[in-house]
Amino acid sequence: MTGEPFDRAASGRAAIERRWAPYRAQRIAQGLAPTKQAERGAKPDRFDDPEVEAYWMDRAGEMGLYPATAGRTQKRRIAHRLAEAETKAIIEAAGSTKTSDLPTDDDTLIAYHEQEIARLTAQRSAELNRAAEHARLITEHETALVEVMRREARA
C-alpha cells in the first residue's frame, strides 16, 4: 500500500474515460466531434485555469456585473462571458482604423451588454417556442380527454 487513501471519485472518472475512449476515437476517426455535446456546439462556460478564473471573477466584481443573489456558478459564467466580451472588444479595436489603443472598460462593458442582450433574446425566443409547443400539446391532451369522457358517458 502506498499510504495514499483510495480516491473513489478519481477512480470513477478514470473508469468513465476508459469506457468512452474508444467511442471518442471512433468519432474522431469519422471526422466528427469527440462527443455529441461538442457536435451540438455546446460552449464552455468556465475557465480551465484557476488563476485566470480568479482574475476574471475579480474583474467582473469590480465592474459590478454580479447580481446580489448570484451563486458561485453564476458568477463564474458571468466572468467567462466578460472575458469573451473583452476579447471581442480587443478584436474590434484592432480592426478599427480610428484607434489602435486597447479598449477601455467602457468598451468592454458595451461589448458585454450587447452580447448579453443577444444571448437573452435568443434564450427568450427558444422559451417562447417551447411554451407554444407546450400549449399545443396541452390542447391535444385536453381534446383526447374530452373524447374519452364522451365515450365513457355514452357507454
N, C-alpha and C. Protein backbone atom coordinates (compact mmCIF):
# COMPACT_ATOMS: atom_id res chain seq x y z
N MET A 1 0.84 -1.19 0.00
CA MET A 1 0.00 0.00 0.00
C MET A 1 0.88 1.25 0.00
N THR A 2 0.50 2.23 -0.76
CA THR A 2 1.32 3.43 -0.94
C THR A 2 1.14 4.45 0.18
N GLY A 3 0.16 4.31 0.98
CA GLY A 3 -0.09 5.27 2.04
C GLY A 3 -1.09 6.34 1.67
N GLU A 4 -1.40 6.46 0.37
CA GLU A 4 -2.40 7.43 -0.04
C GLU A 4 -3.78 6.78 0.02
N PRO A 5 -4.77 7.52 0.51
CA PRO A 5 -6.12 6.94 0.57
C PRO A 5 -6.69 6.75 -0.84
N PHE A 6 -7.56 5.77 -0.96
CA PHE A 6 -8.21 5.49 -2.24
C PHE A 6 -9.17 6.62 -2.58
N ASP A 7 -9.05 7.17 -3.76
CA ASP A 7 -9.92 8.25 -4.21
C ASP A 7 -10.98 7.66 -5.13
N ARG A 8 -12.16 7.46 -4.59
CA ARG A 8 -13.25 6.83 -5.34
C ARG A 8 -13.67 7.69 -6.54
N ALA A 9 -13.71 8.99 -6.35
CA ALA A 9 -14.13 9.87 -7.45
C ALA A 9 -13.13 9.82 -8.61
N ALA A 10 -11.84 9.87 -8.30
CA ALA A 10 -10.82 9.81 -9.35
C ALA A 10 -10.86 8.46 -10.05
N SER A 11 -11.08 7.41 -9.30
CA SER A 11 -11.18 6.08 -9.89
C SER A 11 -12.37 6.00 -10.84
N GLY A 12 -13.49 6.59 -10.42
CA GLY A 12 -14.68 6.60 -11.27
C GLY A 12 -14.46 7.39 -12.54
N ARG A 13 -13.80 8.55 -12.43
CA ARG A 13 -13.52 9.36 -13.61
C ARG A 13 -12.61 8.60 -14.58
N ALA A 14 -11.61 7.90 -14.03
CA ALA A 14 -10.70 7.13 -14.88
C ALA A 14 -11.45 6.00 -15.59
N ALA A 15 -12.35 5.34 -14.88
CA ALA A 15 -13.13 4.25 -15.48
C ALA A 15 -14.04 4.78 -16.58
N ILE A 16 -14.64 5.92 -16.35
CA ILE A 16 -15.52 6.53 -17.37
C ILE A 16 -14.70 6.90 -18.60
N GLU A 17 -13.51 7.45 -18.38
CA GLU A 17 -12.65 7.83 -19.51
C GLU A 17 -12.26 6.59 -20.31
N ARG A 18 -11.89 5.50 -19.61
CA ARG A 18 -11.55 4.26 -20.32
C ARG A 18 -12.75 3.73 -21.09
N ARG A 19 -13.94 3.83 -20.51
CA ARG A 19 -15.15 3.31 -21.14
C ARG A 19 -15.47 4.06 -22.43
N TRP A 20 -15.32 5.39 -22.41
CA TRP A 20 -15.73 6.19 -23.56
C TRP A 20 -14.60 6.51 -24.52
N ALA A 21 -13.36 6.18 -24.21
CA ALA A 21 -12.23 6.48 -25.09
C ALA A 21 -12.39 5.86 -26.48
N PRO A 22 -12.80 4.57 -26.61
CA PRO A 22 -12.97 4.02 -27.96
C PRO A 22 -14.05 4.74 -28.77
N TYR A 23 -15.13 5.13 -28.10
CA TYR A 23 -16.22 5.86 -28.77
C TYR A 23 -15.71 7.19 -29.30
N ARG A 24 -14.97 7.91 -28.46
CA ARG A 24 -14.43 9.20 -28.90
C ARG A 24 -13.44 9.01 -30.06
N ALA A 25 -12.59 8.01 -29.95
CA ALA A 25 -11.61 7.74 -31.01
C ALA A 25 -12.33 7.41 -32.32
N GLN A 26 -13.40 6.64 -32.24
CA GLN A 26 -14.16 6.28 -33.43
C GLN A 26 -14.79 7.53 -34.07
N ARG A 27 -15.36 8.41 -33.23
CA ARG A 27 -15.97 9.63 -33.76
C ARG A 27 -14.92 10.52 -34.41
N ILE A 28 -13.75 10.64 -33.79
CA ILE A 28 -12.68 11.48 -34.35
C ILE A 28 -12.21 10.89 -35.68
N ALA A 29 -12.09 9.54 -35.74
CA ALA A 29 -11.68 8.88 -36.98
C ALA A 29 -12.69 9.12 -38.10
N GLN A 30 -13.97 9.29 -37.74
CA GLN A 30 -15.01 9.55 -38.73
C GLN A 30 -15.07 11.03 -39.12
N GLY A 31 -14.23 11.83 -38.48
CA GLY A 31 -14.21 13.26 -38.78
C GLY A 31 -15.26 14.04 -38.01
N LEU A 32 -15.80 13.46 -36.94
CA LEU A 32 -16.81 14.12 -36.11
C LEU A 32 -16.18 14.69 -34.86
N ALA A 33 -16.94 15.49 -34.15
CA ALA A 33 -16.50 15.99 -32.85
C ALA A 33 -16.42 14.80 -31.89
N PRO A 34 -15.57 14.86 -30.87
CA PRO A 34 -15.39 13.70 -29.98
C PRO A 34 -16.65 13.30 -29.22
N THR A 35 -17.53 14.25 -28.96
CA THR A 35 -18.77 13.93 -28.26
C THR A 35 -19.95 14.56 -28.97
N LYS A 36 -21.13 14.06 -28.69
CA LYS A 36 -22.33 14.64 -29.30
C LYS A 36 -22.57 16.04 -28.76
N GLN A 37 -22.22 16.27 -27.50
CA GLN A 37 -22.38 17.60 -26.92
C GLN A 37 -21.50 18.60 -27.67
N ALA A 38 -20.26 18.21 -27.97
CA ALA A 38 -19.37 19.09 -28.73
C ALA A 38 -19.90 19.29 -30.14
N GLU A 39 -20.52 18.26 -30.70
CA GLU A 39 -21.09 18.35 -32.05
C GLU A 39 -22.23 19.36 -32.09
N ARG A 40 -23.02 19.41 -31.02
CA ARG A 40 -24.13 20.36 -30.95
C ARG A 40 -23.64 21.78 -30.75
N GLY A 41 -22.37 21.92 -30.44
CA GLY A 41 -21.80 23.25 -30.31
C GLY A 41 -21.90 23.82 -28.91
N ALA A 42 -22.03 22.95 -27.91
CA ALA A 42 -22.08 23.45 -26.54
C ALA A 42 -20.77 24.16 -26.24
N LYS A 43 -20.87 25.37 -25.75
CA LYS A 43 -19.68 26.16 -25.48
C LYS A 43 -19.31 26.04 -24.01
N PRO A 44 -18.03 26.07 -23.71
CA PRO A 44 -17.65 26.04 -22.29
C PRO A 44 -18.08 27.34 -21.63
N ASP A 45 -18.44 27.27 -20.38
CA ASP A 45 -18.86 28.47 -19.67
C ASP A 45 -17.99 28.74 -18.45
N ARG A 46 -16.84 28.08 -18.42
CA ARG A 46 -15.93 28.28 -17.30
C ARG A 46 -14.49 28.22 -17.81
N PHE A 47 -13.56 28.59 -16.94
CA PHE A 47 -12.14 28.61 -17.29
C PHE A 47 -11.47 27.32 -16.85
N ASP A 48 -10.40 26.96 -17.54
CA ASP A 48 -9.62 25.79 -17.15
C ASP A 48 -8.58 26.13 -16.09
N ASP A 49 -8.07 27.34 -16.12
CA ASP A 49 -7.01 27.75 -15.20
C ASP A 49 -7.60 28.54 -14.02
N PRO A 50 -7.40 28.08 -12.78
CA PRO A 50 -7.97 28.78 -11.62
C PRO A 50 -7.48 30.22 -11.47
N GLU A 51 -6.22 30.48 -11.83
CA GLU A 51 -5.71 31.84 -11.70
C GLU A 51 -6.39 32.78 -12.70
N VAL A 52 -6.59 32.31 -13.90
CA VAL A 52 -7.28 33.12 -14.91
C VAL A 52 -8.72 33.35 -14.47
N GLU A 53 -9.34 32.29 -13.97
CA GLU A 53 -10.72 32.42 -13.49
C GLU A 53 -10.80 33.43 -12.36
N ALA A 54 -9.88 33.39 -11.42
CA ALA A 54 -9.88 34.35 -10.30
C ALA A 54 -9.73 35.78 -10.81
N TYR A 55 -8.85 35.98 -11.80
CA TYR A 55 -8.67 37.32 -12.37
C TYR A 55 -9.98 37.84 -12.95
N TRP A 56 -10.64 37.03 -13.79
CA TRP A 56 -11.86 37.49 -14.44
C TRP A 56 -13.01 37.62 -13.46
N MET A 57 -13.06 36.78 -12.45
CA MET A 57 -14.12 36.91 -11.45
C MET A 57 -13.93 38.21 -10.66
N ASP A 58 -12.68 38.54 -10.31
CA ASP A 58 -12.41 39.80 -9.63
C ASP A 58 -12.76 40.98 -10.53
N ARG A 59 -12.40 40.88 -11.79
CA ARG A 59 -12.68 41.96 -12.74
C ARG A 59 -14.18 42.18 -12.89
N ALA A 60 -14.94 41.08 -13.02
CA ALA A 60 -16.40 41.21 -13.15
C ALA A 60 -16.99 41.82 -11.87
N GLY A 61 -16.46 41.44 -10.73
CA GLY A 61 -16.93 42.02 -9.47
C GLY A 61 -16.64 43.51 -9.39
N GLU A 62 -15.45 43.91 -9.83
CA GLU A 62 -15.09 45.33 -9.84
C GLU A 62 -15.99 46.13 -10.76
N MET A 63 -16.43 45.50 -11.86
CA MET A 63 -17.31 46.19 -12.81
C MET A 63 -18.76 46.16 -12.38
N GLY A 64 -19.06 45.46 -11.30
CA GLY A 64 -20.43 45.42 -10.76
C GLY A 64 -21.39 44.59 -11.60
N LEU A 65 -20.91 43.50 -12.18
CA LEU A 65 -21.75 42.70 -13.06
C LEU A 65 -22.52 41.60 -12.33
N TYR A 66 -22.16 41.32 -11.09
CA TYR A 66 -22.83 40.23 -10.38
C TYR A 66 -24.13 40.69 -9.73
N PRO A 67 -25.22 39.94 -9.96
CA PRO A 67 -26.43 40.23 -9.21
C PRO A 67 -26.20 39.93 -7.73
N ALA A 68 -26.99 40.54 -6.87
CA ALA A 68 -26.80 40.36 -5.43
C ALA A 68 -26.98 38.92 -5.00
N THR A 69 -27.83 38.19 -5.68
CA THR A 69 -28.13 36.81 -5.28
C THR A 69 -27.34 35.77 -6.07
N ALA A 70 -26.34 36.19 -6.84
CA ALA A 70 -25.59 35.26 -7.70
C ALA A 70 -24.79 34.27 -6.86
N GLY A 71 -24.88 33.02 -7.24
CA GLY A 71 -24.07 31.98 -6.62
C GLY A 71 -22.74 31.86 -7.34
N ARG A 72 -21.90 30.94 -6.87
CA ARG A 72 -20.57 30.79 -7.45
C ARG A 72 -20.63 30.40 -8.93
N THR A 73 -21.49 29.47 -9.30
CA THR A 73 -21.57 29.04 -10.69
C THR A 73 -22.01 30.19 -11.58
N GLN A 74 -23.01 30.95 -11.15
CA GLN A 74 -23.47 32.07 -11.96
C GLN A 74 -22.37 33.13 -12.09
N LYS A 75 -21.62 33.36 -11.03
CA LYS A 75 -20.52 34.32 -11.10
C LYS A 75 -19.44 33.84 -12.07
N ARG A 76 -19.15 32.55 -12.05
CA ARG A 76 -18.14 32.00 -12.97
C ARG A 76 -18.59 32.17 -14.42
N ARG A 77 -19.86 31.94 -14.68
CA ARG A 77 -20.37 32.09 -16.04
C ARG A 77 -20.34 33.54 -16.49
N ILE A 78 -20.70 34.45 -15.60
CA ILE A 78 -20.66 35.88 -15.93
C ILE A 78 -19.22 36.29 -16.23
N ALA A 79 -18.28 35.83 -15.41
CA ALA A 79 -16.86 36.17 -15.63
C ALA A 79 -16.39 35.62 -16.98
N HIS A 80 -16.82 34.43 -17.33
CA HIS A 80 -16.43 33.85 -18.62
C HIS A 80 -16.99 34.67 -19.77
N ARG A 81 -18.25 35.09 -19.66
CA ARG A 81 -18.84 35.91 -20.72
C ARG A 81 -18.17 37.29 -20.80
N LEU A 82 -17.73 37.83 -19.66
CA LEU A 82 -17.00 39.10 -19.66
C LEU A 82 -15.68 38.93 -20.41
N ALA A 83 -14.98 37.82 -20.18
CA ALA A 83 -13.72 37.58 -20.88
C ALA A 83 -13.96 37.48 -22.39
N GLU A 84 -15.04 36.82 -22.79
CA GLU A 84 -15.37 36.74 -24.21
C GLU A 84 -15.67 38.12 -24.77
N ALA A 85 -16.38 38.94 -24.00
CA ALA A 85 -16.73 40.29 -24.47
C ALA A 85 -15.48 41.15 -24.61
N GLU A 86 -14.56 41.03 -23.67
CA GLU A 86 -13.34 41.83 -23.78
C GLU A 86 -12.51 41.38 -24.97
N THR A 87 -12.47 40.08 -25.20
CA THR A 87 -11.76 39.57 -26.38
C THR A 87 -12.37 40.16 -27.65
N LYS A 88 -13.70 40.17 -27.70
CA LYS A 88 -14.40 40.74 -28.86
C LYS A 88 -14.07 42.23 -29.01
N ALA A 89 -14.04 42.97 -27.88
CA ALA A 89 -13.73 44.40 -27.93
C ALA A 89 -12.30 44.63 -28.40
N ILE A 90 -11.36 43.77 -27.99
CA ILE A 90 -9.97 43.91 -28.42
C ILE A 90 -9.86 43.66 -29.93
N ILE A 91 -10.55 42.63 -30.41
CA ILE A 91 -10.52 42.32 -31.84
C ILE A 91 -11.12 43.46 -32.65
N GLU A 92 -12.24 44.02 -32.17
CA GLU A 92 -12.86 45.15 -32.88
C GLU A 92 -11.96 46.37 -32.86
N ALA A 93 -11.27 46.62 -31.73
CA ALA A 93 -10.38 47.77 -31.65
C ALA A 93 -9.18 47.60 -32.58
N ALA A 94 -8.71 46.36 -32.71
CA ALA A 94 -7.57 46.11 -33.59
C ALA A 94 -7.97 46.30 -35.06
N GLY A 95 -9.21 45.99 -35.39
CA GLY A 95 -9.68 46.14 -36.77
C GLY A 95 -10.12 47.55 -37.10
N SER A 96 -10.27 48.38 -36.11
CA SER A 96 -10.73 49.75 -36.33
C SER A 96 -9.57 50.64 -36.77
N THR A 97 -9.84 51.51 -37.72
CA THR A 97 -8.81 52.45 -38.19
C THR A 97 -8.79 53.71 -37.34
N LYS A 98 -9.83 53.88 -36.51
CA LYS A 98 -9.93 55.10 -35.71
C LYS A 98 -8.91 55.12 -34.57
N THR A 99 -8.70 53.97 -33.96
CA THR A 99 -7.81 53.93 -32.80
C THR A 99 -7.05 52.62 -32.78
N SER A 100 -5.87 52.66 -32.25
CA SER A 100 -5.08 51.44 -32.13
C SER A 100 -4.89 51.06 -30.67
N ASP A 101 -5.51 51.81 -29.77
CA ASP A 101 -5.39 51.54 -28.34
C ASP A 101 -6.22 50.33 -27.95
N LEU A 102 -5.88 49.80 -26.80
CA LEU A 102 -6.70 48.73 -26.24
C LEU A 102 -8.04 49.31 -25.80
N PRO A 103 -9.08 48.50 -25.79
CA PRO A 103 -10.40 49.03 -25.41
C PRO A 103 -10.41 49.44 -23.93
N THR A 104 -11.20 50.44 -23.65
CA THR A 104 -11.37 50.87 -22.26
C THR A 104 -12.36 49.94 -21.57
N ASP A 105 -12.51 50.13 -20.27
CA ASP A 105 -13.50 49.34 -19.53
C ASP A 105 -14.90 49.59 -20.08
N ASP A 106 -15.16 50.83 -20.51
CA ASP A 106 -16.48 51.13 -21.08
C ASP A 106 -16.70 50.36 -22.39
N ASP A 107 -15.66 50.27 -23.21
CA ASP A 107 -15.77 49.48 -24.44
C ASP A 107 -16.07 48.02 -24.12
N THR A 108 -15.40 47.50 -23.10
CA THR A 108 -15.62 46.11 -22.69
C THR A 108 -17.04 45.94 -22.18
N LEU A 109 -17.52 46.88 -21.38
CA LEU A 109 -18.89 46.79 -20.86
C LEU A 109 -19.91 46.89 -21.99
N ILE A 110 -19.65 47.74 -22.96
CA ILE A 110 -20.56 47.84 -24.11
C ILE A 110 -20.63 46.50 -24.83
N ALA A 111 -19.46 45.91 -25.10
CA ALA A 111 -19.43 44.60 -25.78
C ALA A 111 -20.13 43.54 -24.93
N TYR A 112 -19.91 43.57 -23.60
CA TYR A 112 -20.53 42.59 -22.70
C TYR A 112 -22.05 42.71 -22.74
N HIS A 113 -22.55 43.94 -22.60
CA HIS A 113 -24.01 44.13 -22.56
C HIS A 113 -24.66 43.82 -23.91
N GLU A 114 -23.99 44.16 -25.00
CA GLU A 114 -24.53 43.79 -26.32
C GLU A 114 -24.61 42.27 -26.46
N GLN A 115 -23.58 41.60 -26.00
CA GLN A 115 -23.55 40.14 -26.05
C GLN A 115 -24.65 39.54 -25.18
N GLU A 116 -24.87 40.10 -24.01
CA GLU A 116 -25.91 39.60 -23.11
C GLU A 116 -27.30 39.81 -23.70
N ILE A 117 -27.51 40.96 -24.35
CA ILE A 117 -28.80 41.22 -24.98
C ILE A 117 -29.07 40.18 -26.06
N ALA A 118 -28.07 39.89 -26.89
CA ALA A 118 -28.24 38.89 -27.94
C ALA A 118 -28.50 37.51 -27.34
N ARG A 119 -27.76 37.15 -26.30
CA ARG A 119 -27.92 35.83 -25.66
C ARG A 119 -29.31 35.69 -25.04
N LEU A 120 -29.74 36.70 -24.32
CA LEU A 120 -31.04 36.64 -23.66
C LEU A 120 -32.19 36.68 -24.65
N THR A 121 -32.02 37.41 -25.76
CA THR A 121 -33.05 37.44 -26.80
C THR A 121 -33.21 36.07 -27.43
N ALA A 122 -32.10 35.41 -27.72
CA ALA A 122 -32.15 34.06 -28.28
C ALA A 122 -32.77 33.08 -27.28
N GLN A 123 -32.41 33.23 -26.02
CA GLN A 123 -32.98 32.36 -24.98
C GLN A 123 -34.48 32.59 -24.86
N ARG A 124 -34.90 33.83 -24.90
CA ARG A 124 -36.34 34.14 -24.80
C ARG A 124 -37.10 33.55 -25.99
N SER A 125 -36.52 33.66 -27.17
CA SER A 125 -37.16 33.11 -28.36
C SER A 125 -37.33 31.60 -28.23
N ALA A 126 -36.30 30.92 -27.75
CA ALA A 126 -36.39 29.47 -27.56
C ALA A 126 -37.45 29.12 -26.51
N GLU A 127 -37.51 29.89 -25.44
CA GLU A 127 -38.50 29.64 -24.40
C GLU A 127 -39.92 29.87 -24.91
N LEU A 128 -40.10 30.89 -25.74
CA LEU A 128 -41.42 31.14 -26.32
C LEU A 128 -41.84 30.00 -27.25
N ASN A 129 -40.88 29.49 -28.02
CA ASN A 129 -41.17 28.34 -28.88
C ASN A 129 -41.57 27.12 -28.06
N ARG A 130 -40.85 26.88 -26.96
CA ARG A 130 -41.21 25.75 -26.09
C ARG A 130 -42.57 25.96 -25.46
N ALA A 131 -42.87 27.18 -25.05
CA ALA A 131 -44.18 27.46 -24.46
C ALA A 131 -45.30 27.24 -25.47
N ALA A 132 -45.09 27.64 -26.71
CA ALA A 132 -46.10 27.42 -27.75
C ALA A 132 -46.30 25.93 -27.99
N GLU A 133 -45.22 25.17 -28.01
CA GLU A 133 -45.33 23.72 -28.18
C GLU A 133 -46.07 23.08 -27.00
N HIS A 134 -45.78 23.54 -25.80
CA HIS A 134 -46.48 23.02 -24.62
C HIS A 134 -47.97 23.34 -24.69
N ALA A 135 -48.33 24.54 -25.11
CA ALA A 135 -49.74 24.90 -25.24
C ALA A 135 -50.43 24.01 -26.27
N ARG A 136 -49.75 23.73 -27.38
CA ARG A 136 -50.31 22.84 -28.40
C ARG A 136 -50.52 21.43 -27.85
N LEU A 137 -49.55 20.93 -27.11
CA LEU A 137 -49.67 19.59 -26.53
C LEU A 137 -50.78 19.53 -25.48
N ILE A 138 -50.91 20.58 -24.69
CA ILE A 138 -51.98 20.63 -23.69
C ILE A 138 -53.34 20.56 -24.38
N THR A 139 -53.49 21.32 -25.47
CA THR A 139 -54.74 21.31 -26.22
C THR A 139 -55.04 19.92 -26.77
N GLU A 140 -54.02 19.25 -27.31
CA GLU A 140 -54.21 17.89 -27.81
C GLU A 140 -54.66 16.94 -26.71
N HIS A 141 -54.03 17.04 -25.54
CA HIS A 141 -54.39 16.16 -24.43
C HIS A 141 -55.79 16.47 -23.90
N GLU A 142 -56.14 17.74 -23.86
CA GLU A 142 -57.49 18.10 -23.42
C GLU A 142 -58.53 17.56 -24.39
N THR A 143 -58.25 17.67 -25.71
CA THR A 143 -59.17 17.14 -26.72
C THR A 143 -59.31 15.63 -26.58
N ALA A 144 -58.19 14.94 -26.38
CA ALA A 144 -58.24 13.49 -26.19
C ALA A 144 -59.00 13.12 -24.93
N LEU A 145 -58.83 13.89 -23.86
CA LEU A 145 -59.54 13.64 -22.61
C LEU A 145 -61.05 13.80 -22.81
N VAL A 146 -61.46 14.84 -23.52
CA VAL A 146 -62.89 15.07 -23.78
C VAL A 146 -63.46 13.90 -24.57
N GLU A 147 -62.73 13.41 -25.58
CA GLU A 147 -63.20 12.27 -26.37
C GLU A 147 -63.37 11.03 -25.51
N VAL A 148 -62.43 10.76 -24.65
CA VAL A 148 -62.53 9.59 -23.77
C VAL A 148 -63.73 9.74 -22.84
N MET A 149 -63.92 10.92 -22.30
CA MET A 149 -65.03 11.15 -21.37
C MET A 149 -66.38 11.01 -22.09
N ARG A 150 -66.46 11.46 -23.35
CA ARG A 150 -67.70 11.33 -24.12
C ARG A 150 -68.01 9.86 -24.38
N ARG A 151 -66.98 9.07 -24.76
CA ARG A 151 -67.19 7.64 -24.99
C ARG A 151 -67.65 6.97 -23.71
N GLU A 152 -67.06 7.38 -22.59
CA GLU A 152 -67.42 6.79 -21.30
C GLU A 152 -68.87 7.14 -20.96
N ALA A 153 -69.30 8.36 -21.26
CA ALA A 153 -70.66 8.79 -20.95
C ALA A 153 -71.68 8.05 -21.82
N ARG A 154 -71.33 7.75 -23.08
CA ARG A 154 -72.24 7.04 -23.98
C ARG A 154 -72.38 5.57 -23.57
N ALA A 155 -71.37 5.02 -22.99
CA ALA A 155 -71.41 3.58 -22.66
C ALA A 155 -72.21 3.25 -21.45
